[in-house]
PDB file of N, CA and C in Angstrom:
ATOM      1  N   MET A   1       0.845  -1.185   0.000  1.00  0.00           N
ATOM      2  CA  MET A   1       0.000   0.000   0.000  1.00  0.00           C
ATOM      3  C   MET A   1       0.889   1.246   0.000  1.00  0.00           C
ATOM      4  N   SER A   2       0.566   2.169  -0.870  1.00  0.00           N
ATOM      5  CA  SER A   2       1.349   3.404  -0.922  1.00  0.00           C
ATOM      6  C   SER A   2       0.961   4.318   0.236  1.00  0.00           C
ATOM      7  N   ASN A   3       1.836   5.223   0.565  1.00  0.00           N
ATOM      8  CA  ASN A   3       1.584   6.143   1.670  1.00  0.00           C
ATOM      9  C   ASN A   3       1.129   7.476   1.113  1.00  0.00           C
ATOM     10  N   ILE A   4      -0.148   7.755   1.266  1.00  0.00           N
ATOM     11  CA  ILE A   4      -0.746   8.947   0.689  1.00  0.00           C
ATOM     12  C   ILE A   4      -0.170  10.220   1.305  1.00  0.00           C
ATOM     13  N   VAL A   5       0.185  10.180   2.588  1.00  0.00           N
ATOM     14  CA  VAL A   5       0.762  11.369   3.236  1.00  0.00           C
ATOM     15  C   VAL A   5       2.068  11.747   2.552  1.00  0.00           C
ATOM     16  N   GLN A   6       2.924  10.773   2.336  1.00  0.00           N
ATOM     17  CA  GLN A   6       4.204  11.049   1.678  1.00  0.00           C
ATOM     18  C   GLN A   6       3.995  11.506   0.237  1.00  0.00           C
ATOM     19  N   GLU A   7       3.024  10.904  -0.441  1.00  0.00           N
ATOM     20  CA  GLU A   7       2.741  11.290  -1.824  1.00  0.00           C
ATOM     21  C   GLU A   7       2.267  12.737  -1.923  1.00  0.00           C
ATOM     22  N   VAL A   8       1.364  13.133  -1.013  1.00  0.00           N
ATOM     23  CA  VAL A   8       0.853  14.504  -1.029  1.00  0.00           C
ATOM     24  C   VAL A   8       1.977  15.491  -0.703  1.00  0.00           C
ATOM     25  N   CYS A   9       2.792  15.146   0.283  1.00  0.00           N
ATOM     26  CA  CYS A   9       3.928  16.021   0.628  1.00  0.00           C
ATOM     27  C   CYS A   9       4.855  16.183  -0.573  1.00  0.00           C
ATOM     28  N   LYS A  10       5.089  15.101  -1.277  1.00  0.00           N
ATOM     29  CA  LYS A  10       5.964  15.161  -2.446  1.00  0.00           C
ATOM     30  C   LYS A  10       5.337  16.035  -3.536  1.00  0.00           C
ATOM     31  N   GLU A  11       4.053  15.861  -3.792  1.00  0.00           N
ATOM     32  CA  GLU A  11       3.360  16.664  -4.810  1.00  0.00           C
ATOM     33  C   GLU A  11       3.404  18.155  -4.477  1.00  0.00           C
ATOM     34  N   LEU A  12       3.250  18.476  -3.192  1.00  0.00           N
ATOM     35  CA  LEU A  12       3.252  19.878  -2.757  1.00  0.00           C
ATOM     36  C   LEU A  12       4.655  20.414  -2.485  1.00  0.00           C
ATOM     37  N   ASN A  13       5.626  19.493  -2.480  1.00  0.00           N
ATOM     38  CA  ASN A  13       7.013  19.856  -2.167  1.00  0.00           C
ATOM     39  C   ASN A  13       7.107  20.505  -0.781  1.00  0.00           C
ATOM     40  N   ILE A  14       6.468  19.841   0.190  1.00  0.00           N
ATOM     41  CA  ILE A  14       6.482  20.305   1.573  1.00  0.00           C
ATOM     42  C   ILE A  14       6.762  19.126   2.491  1.00  0.00           C
ATOM     43  N   ASN A  15       7.073  19.424   3.757  1.00  0.00           N
ATOM     44  CA  ASN A  15       7.265  18.349   4.732  1.00  0.00           C
ATOM     45  C   ASN A  15       5.957  18.101   5.489  1.00  0.00           C
ATOM     46  N   GLN A  16       5.977  17.108   6.360  1.00  0.00           N
ATOM     47  CA  GLN A  16       4.752  16.731   7.056  1.00  0.00           C
ATOM     48  C   GLN A  16       4.275  17.796   8.043  1.00  0.00           C
ATOM     49  N   SER A  17       5.190  18.539   8.629  1.00  0.00           N
ATOM     50  CA  SER A  17       4.785  19.634   9.525  1.00  0.00           C
ATOM     51  C   SER A  17       4.038  20.718   8.749  1.00  0.00           C
ATOM     52  N   GLU A  18       4.537  21.012   7.557  1.00  0.00           N
ATOM     53  CA  GLU A  18       3.874  22.013   6.718  1.00  0.00           C
ATOM     54  C   GLU A  18       2.502  21.512   6.253  1.00  0.00           C
ATOM     55  N   LEU A  19       2.408  20.207   5.977  1.00  0.00           N
ATOM     56  CA  LEU A  19       1.110  19.634   5.599  1.00  0.00           C
ATOM     57  C   LEU A  19       0.128  19.756   6.753  1.00  0.00           C
ATOM     58  N   ALA A  20       0.591  19.502   7.961  1.00  0.00           N
ATOM     59  CA  ALA A  20      -0.274  19.632   9.142  1.00  0.00           C
ATOM     60  C   ALA A  20      -0.817  21.055   9.255  1.00  0.00           C
ATOM     61  N   LYS A  21       0.043  22.042   9.067  1.00  0.00           N
ATOM     62  CA  LYS A  21      -0.397  23.442   9.135  1.00  0.00           C
ATOM     63  C   LYS A  21      -1.396  23.748   8.026  1.00  0.00           C
ATOM     64  N   LYS A  22      -1.105  23.267   6.827  1.00  0.00           N
ATOM     65  CA  LYS A  22      -1.974  23.517   5.677  1.00  0.00           C
ATOM     66  C   LYS A  22      -3.364  22.915   5.883  1.00  0.00           C
ATOM     67  N   LEU A  23      -3.410  21.729   6.495  1.00  0.00           N
ATOM     68  CA  LEU A  23      -4.681  21.049   6.718  1.00  0.00           C
ATOM     69  C   LEU A  23      -5.323  21.403   8.061  1.00  0.00           C
ATOM     70  N   LYS A  24      -4.608  22.206   8.863  1.00  0.00           N
ATOM     71  CA  LYS A  24      -5.094  22.640  10.180  1.00  0.00           C
ATOM     72  C   LYS A  24      -5.376  21.445  11.094  1.00  0.00           C
ATOM     73  N   VAL A  25      -4.392  20.516  11.101  1.00  0.00           N
ATOM     74  CA  VAL A  25      -4.427  19.382  12.031  1.00  0.00           C
ATOM     75  C   VAL A  25      -3.092  19.358  12.762  1.00  0.00           C
ATOM     76  N   SER A  26      -3.034  18.591  13.833  1.00  0.00           N
ATOM     77  CA  SER A  26      -1.790  18.522  14.595  1.00  0.00           C
ATOM     78  C   SER A  26      -0.749  17.680  13.852  1.00  0.00           C
ATOM     79  N   ARG A  27       0.492  17.901  14.201  1.00  0.00           N
ATOM     80  CA  ARG A  27       1.594  17.121  13.621  1.00  0.00           C
ATOM     81  C   ARG A  27       1.434  15.654  13.992  1.00  0.00           C
ATOM     82  N   SER A  28       0.924  15.380  15.192  1.00  0.00           N
ATOM     83  CA  SER A  28       0.730  13.988  15.618  1.00  0.00           C
ATOM     84  C   SER A  28      -0.358  13.300  14.783  1.00  0.00           C
ATOM     85  N   THR A  29      -1.330  14.061  14.322  1.00  0.00           N
ATOM     86  CA  THR A  29      -2.352  13.494  13.441  1.00  0.00           C
ATOM     87  C   THR A  29      -1.721  13.043  12.130  1.00  0.00           C
ATOM     88  N   ILE A  30      -0.846  13.885  11.578  1.00  0.00           N
ATOM     89  CA  ILE A  30      -0.141  13.533  10.343  1.00  0.00           C
ATOM     90  C   ILE A  30       0.716  12.289  10.569  1.00  0.00           C
ATOM     91  N   THR A  31       1.370  12.225  11.723  1.00  0.00           N
ATOM     92  CA  THR A  31       2.199  11.059  12.057  1.00  0.00           C
ATOM     93  C   THR A  31       1.338   9.795  12.106  1.00  0.00           C
ATOM     94  N   ASP A  32       0.166   9.895  12.716  1.00  0.00           N
ATOM     95  CA  ASP A  32      -0.749   8.750  12.768  1.00  0.00           C
ATOM     96  C   ASP A  32      -1.167   8.319  11.364  1.00  0.00           C
ATOM     97  N   TRP A  33      -1.525   9.286  10.533  1.00  0.00           N
ATOM     98  CA  TRP A  33      -1.926   8.971   9.159  1.00  0.00           C
ATOM     99  C   TRP A  33      -0.781   8.288   8.425  1.00  0.00           C
ATOM    100  N   ASN A  34       0.423   8.809   8.640  1.00  0.00           N
ATOM    101  CA  ASN A  34       1.603   8.271   7.972  1.00  0.00           C
ATOM    102  C   ASN A  34       1.867   6.817   8.385  1.00  0.00           C
ATOM    103  N   LYS A  35       1.487   6.481   9.609  1.00  0.00           N
ATOM    104  CA  LYS A  35       1.673   5.113  10.116  1.00  0.00           C
ATOM    105  C   LYS A  35       0.551   4.184   9.673  1.00  0.00           C
ATOM    106  N   GLY A  36      -0.436   4.729   8.980  1.00  0.00           N
ATOM    107  CA  GLY A  36      -1.535   3.895   8.495  1.00  0.00           C
ATOM    108  C   GLY A  36      -2.808   4.011   9.308  1.00  0.00           C
ATOM    109  N   ASN A  37      -2.779   4.809  10.368  1.00  0.00           N
ATOM    110  CA  ASN A  37      -3.975   5.028  11.193  1.00  0.00           C
ATOM    111  C   ASN A  37      -4.784   6.169  10.576  1.00  0.00           C
ATOM    112  N   ILE A  38      -5.452   5.853   9.469  1.00  0.00           N
ATOM    113  CA  ILE A  38      -6.138   6.888   8.701  1.00  0.00           C
ATOM    114  C   ILE A  38      -7.524   6.368   8.319  1.00  0.00           C
ATOM    115  N   THR A  39      -8.519   7.233   8.441  1.00  0.00           N
ATOM    116  CA  THR A  39      -9.872   6.825   8.065  1.00  0.00           C
ATOM    117  C   THR A  39      -9.976   6.778   6.546  1.00  0.00           C
ATOM    118  N   LYS A  40     -10.940   6.027   6.070  1.00  0.00           N
ATOM    119  CA  LYS A  40     -11.151   5.935   4.621  1.00  0.00           C
ATOM    120  C   LYS A  40     -11.486   7.308   4.037  1.00  0.00           C
ATOM    121  N   MET A  41     -12.247   8.093   4.769  1.00  0.00           N
ATOM    122  CA  MET A  41     -12.633   9.418   4.279  1.00  0.00           C
ATOM    123  C   MET A  41     -11.413  10.331   4.168  1.00  0.00           C
ATOM    124  N   THR A  42     -10.521  10.284   5.149  1.00  0.00           N
ATOM    125  CA  THR A  42      -9.307  11.094   5.104  1.00  0.00           C
ATOM    126  C   THR A  42      -8.408  10.627   3.964  1.00  0.00           C
ATOM    127  N   GLN A  43      -8.281   9.320   3.806  1.00  0.00           N
ATOM    128  CA  GLN A  43      -7.495   8.756   2.702  1.00  0.00           C
ATOM    129  C   GLN A  43      -8.037   9.268   1.372  1.00  0.00           C
ATOM    130  N   TYR A  44      -9.345   9.210   1.217  1.00  0.00           N
ATOM    131  CA  TYR A  44      -9.993   9.657  -0.016  1.00  0.00           C
ATOM    132  C   TYR A  44      -9.766  11.155  -0.236  1.00  0.00           C
ATOM    133  N   ALA A  45      -9.896  11.945   0.822  1.00  0.00           N
ATOM    134  CA  ALA A  45      -9.691  13.396   0.711  1.00  0.00           C
ATOM    135  C   ALA A  45      -8.257  13.714   0.274  1.00  0.00           C
ATOM    136  N   LEU A  46      -7.284  13.005   0.843  1.00  0.00           N
ATOM    137  CA  LEU A  46      -5.887  13.232   0.455  1.00  0.00           C
ATOM    138  C   LEU A  46      -5.629  12.786  -0.979  1.00  0.00           C
ATOM    139  N   GLU A  47      -6.282  11.702  -1.406  1.00  0.00           N
ATOM    140  CA  GLU A  47      -6.152  11.265  -2.794  1.00  0.00           C
ATOM    141  C   GLU A  47      -6.728  12.322  -3.742  1.00  0.00           C
ATOM    142  N   LEU A  48      -7.858  12.911  -3.361  1.00  0.00           N
ATOM    143  CA  LEU A  48      -8.454  13.971  -4.177  1.00  0.00           C
ATOM    144  C   LEU A  48      -7.555  15.208  -4.217  1.00  0.00           C
ATOM    145  N   LEU A  49      -6.947  15.531  -3.087  1.00  0.00           N
ATOM    146  CA  LEU A  49      -6.010  16.657  -3.041  1.00  0.00           C
ATOM    147  C   LEU A  49      -4.849  16.410  -3.992  1.00  0.00           C
ATOM    148  N   LYS A  50      -4.300  15.212  -3.956  1.00  0.00           N
ATOM    149  CA  LYS A  50      -3.192  14.855  -4.838  1.00  0.00           C
ATOM    150  C   LYS A  50      -3.612  14.950  -6.307  1.00  0.00           C
ATOM    151  N   GLU A  51      -4.786  14.432  -6.617  1.00  0.00           N
ATOM    152  CA  GLU A  51      -5.284  14.488  -7.996  1.00  0.00           C
ATOM    153  C   GLU A  51      -5.493  15.942  -8.437  1.00  0.00           C
ATOM    154  N   ASN A  52      -6.003  16.767  -7.545  1.00  0.00           N
ATOM    155  CA  ASN A  52      -6.215  18.176  -7.850  1.00  0.00           C
ATOM    156  C   ASN A  52      -4.905  18.878  -8.178  1.00  0.00           C
ATOM    157  N   ILE A  53      -3.877  18.593  -7.411  1.00  0.00           N
ATOM    158  CA  ILE A  53      -2.554  19.178  -7.650  1.00  0.00           C
ATOM    159  C   ILE A  53      -2.049  18.767  -9.034  1.00  0.00           C
ATOM    160  N   GLN A  54      -2.195  17.491  -9.352  1.00  0.00           N
ATOM    161  CA  GLN A  54      -1.732  16.983 -10.649  1.00  0.00           C
ATOM    162  C   GLN A  54      -2.502  17.629 -11.799  1.00  0.00           C
ATOM    163  N   LEU A  55      -3.806  17.776 -11.648  1.00  0.00           N
ATOM    164  CA  LEU A  55      -4.615  18.397 -12.700  1.00  0.00           C
ATOM    165  C   LEU A  55      -4.252  19.864 -12.892  1.00  0.00           C
ATOM    166  N   LYS A  56      -4.002  20.571 -11.804  1.00  0.00           N
ATOM    167  CA  LYS A  56      -3.591  21.977 -11.925  1.00  0.00           C
ATOM    168  C   LYS A  56      -2.269  22.093 -12.673  1.00  0.00           C
ATOM    169  N   THR A  57      -1.355  21.168 -12.417  1.00  0.00           N
ATOM    170  CA  THR A  57      -0.073  21.172 -13.107  1.00  0.00           C
ATOM    171  C   THR A  57      -0.274  20.926 -14.600  1.00  0.00           C
ATOM    172  N   GLN A  58      -1.125  19.967 -14.931  1.00  0.00           N
ATOM    173  CA  GLN A  58      -1.400  19.678 -16.335  1.00  0.00           C
ATOM    174  C   GLN A  58      -2.063  20.864 -17.027  1.00  0.00           C
ATOM    175  N   LEU A  59      -3.016  21.495 -16.362  1.00  0.00           N
ATOM    176  CA  LEU A  59      -3.686  22.662 -16.945  1.00  0.00           C
ATOM    177  C   LEU A  59      -2.716  23.809 -17.177  1.00  0.00           C
ATOM    178  N   LYS A  60      -1.788  24.008 -16.263  1.00  0.00           N
ATOM    179  CA  LYS A  60      -0.787  25.058 -16.441  1.00  0.00           C
ATOM    180  C   LYS A  60       0.086  24.767 -17.654  1.00  0.00           C
ATOM    181  N   THR A  61       0.456  23.503 -17.825  1.00  0.00           N
ATOM    182  CA  THR A  61       1.262  23.115 -18.986  1.00  0.00           C
ATOM    183  C   THR A  61       0.502  23.404 -20.285  1.00  0.00           C
ATOM    184  N   ILE A  62      -0.774  23.069 -20.312  1.00  0.00           N
ATOM    185  CA  ILE A  62      -1.598  23.321 -21.502  1.00  0.00           C
ATOM    186  C   ILE A  62      -1.728  24.816 -21.750  1.00  0.00           C
ATOM    187  N   LYS A  63      -1.964  25.589 -20.694  1.00  0.00           N
ATOM    188  CA  LYS A  63      -2.091  27.044 -20.835  1.00  0.00           C
ATOM    189  C   LYS A  63      -0.787  27.647 -21.348  1.00  0.00           C
ATOM    190  N   ASP A  64       0.328  27.218 -20.801  1.00  0.00           N
ATOM    191  CA  ASP A  64       1.632  27.718 -21.249  1.00  0.00           C
ATOM    192  C   ASP A  64       1.859  27.400 -22.722  1.00  0.00           C
ATOM    193  N   PHE A  65       1.479  26.191 -23.135  1.00  0.00           N
ATOM    194  CA  PHE A  65       1.612  25.804 -24.542  1.00  0.00           C
ATOM    195  C   PHE A  65       0.727  26.686 -25.423  1.00  0.00           C
ATOM    196  N   TYR A  66      -0.510  26.877 -25.011  1.00  0.00           N
ATOM    197  CA  TYR A  66      -1.452  27.714 -25.752  1.00  0.00           C
ATOM    198  C   TYR A  66      -0.923  29.143 -25.872  1.00  0.00           C
ATOM    199  N   ASP A  67      -0.405  29.685 -24.772  1.00  0.00           N
ATOM    200  CA  ASP A  67       0.154  31.040 -24.793  1.00  0.00           C
ATOM    201  C   ASP A  67       1.349  31.125 -25.742  1.00  0.00           C
ATOM    202  N   THR A  68       2.183  30.118 -25.723  1.00  0.00           N
ATOM    203  CA  THR A  68       3.364  30.081 -26.606  1.00  0.00           C
ATOM    204  C   THR A  68       2.921  30.016 -28.066  1.00  0.00           C
ATOM    205  N   MET A  69       1.940  29.184 -28.352  1.00  0.00           N
ATOM    206  CA  MET A  69       1.445  29.058 -29.730  1.00  0.00           C
ATOM    207  C   MET A  69       0.833  30.372 -30.219  1.00  0.00           C
ATOM    208  N   GLY A  70       0.204  31.105 -29.295  1.00  0.00           N
ATOM    209  CA  GLY A  70      -0.392  32.391 -29.668  1.00  0.00           C
ATOM    210  C   GLY A  70       0.638  33.434 -30.042  1.00  0.00           C
ATOM    211  N   LYS A  71       1.857  33.266 -29.578  1.00  0.00           N
ATOM    212  CA  LYS A  71       2.927  34.227 -29.861  1.00  0.00           C
ATOM    213  C   LYS A  71       3.638  33.945 -31.187  1.00  0.00           C
ATOM    214  N   ILE A  72       3.402  32.749 -31.735  1.00  0.00           N
ATOM    215  CA  ILE A  72       4.051  32.373 -32.984  1.00  0.00           C
ATOM    216  C   ILE A  72       3.260  32.962 -34.147  1.00  0.00           C
ATOM    217  N   LYS A  73       3.955  33.685 -35.000  1.00  0.00           N
ATOM    218  CA  LYS A  73       3.303  34.286 -36.168  1.00  0.00           C
ATOM    219  C   LYS A  73       3.705  33.491 -37.402  1.00  0.00           C
ATOM    220  N   ILE A  74       2.707  33.024 -38.084  1.00  0.00           N
ATOM    221  CA  ILE A  74       2.983  32.219 -39.294  1.00  0.00           C
ATOM    222  C   ILE A  74       2.593  33.027 -40.515  1.00  0.00           C
TER     223      ILE A  74
END
């Protein structure tokens, strides 16, 4: 089983303390989640957060490409 806490931290390029602050939970809560003591709803919410981050990155790439193409004069 993959560790969603570590995956989200990696996607956001932050550490677990920063994730705790961002989610407004205690550092010990993050530690518990990291150890596998996580509810299905929390797991799902973190998976959605990770997916949202990935989609925003993809959309930015598409927007940057579109902007670049708009600058090319043929």
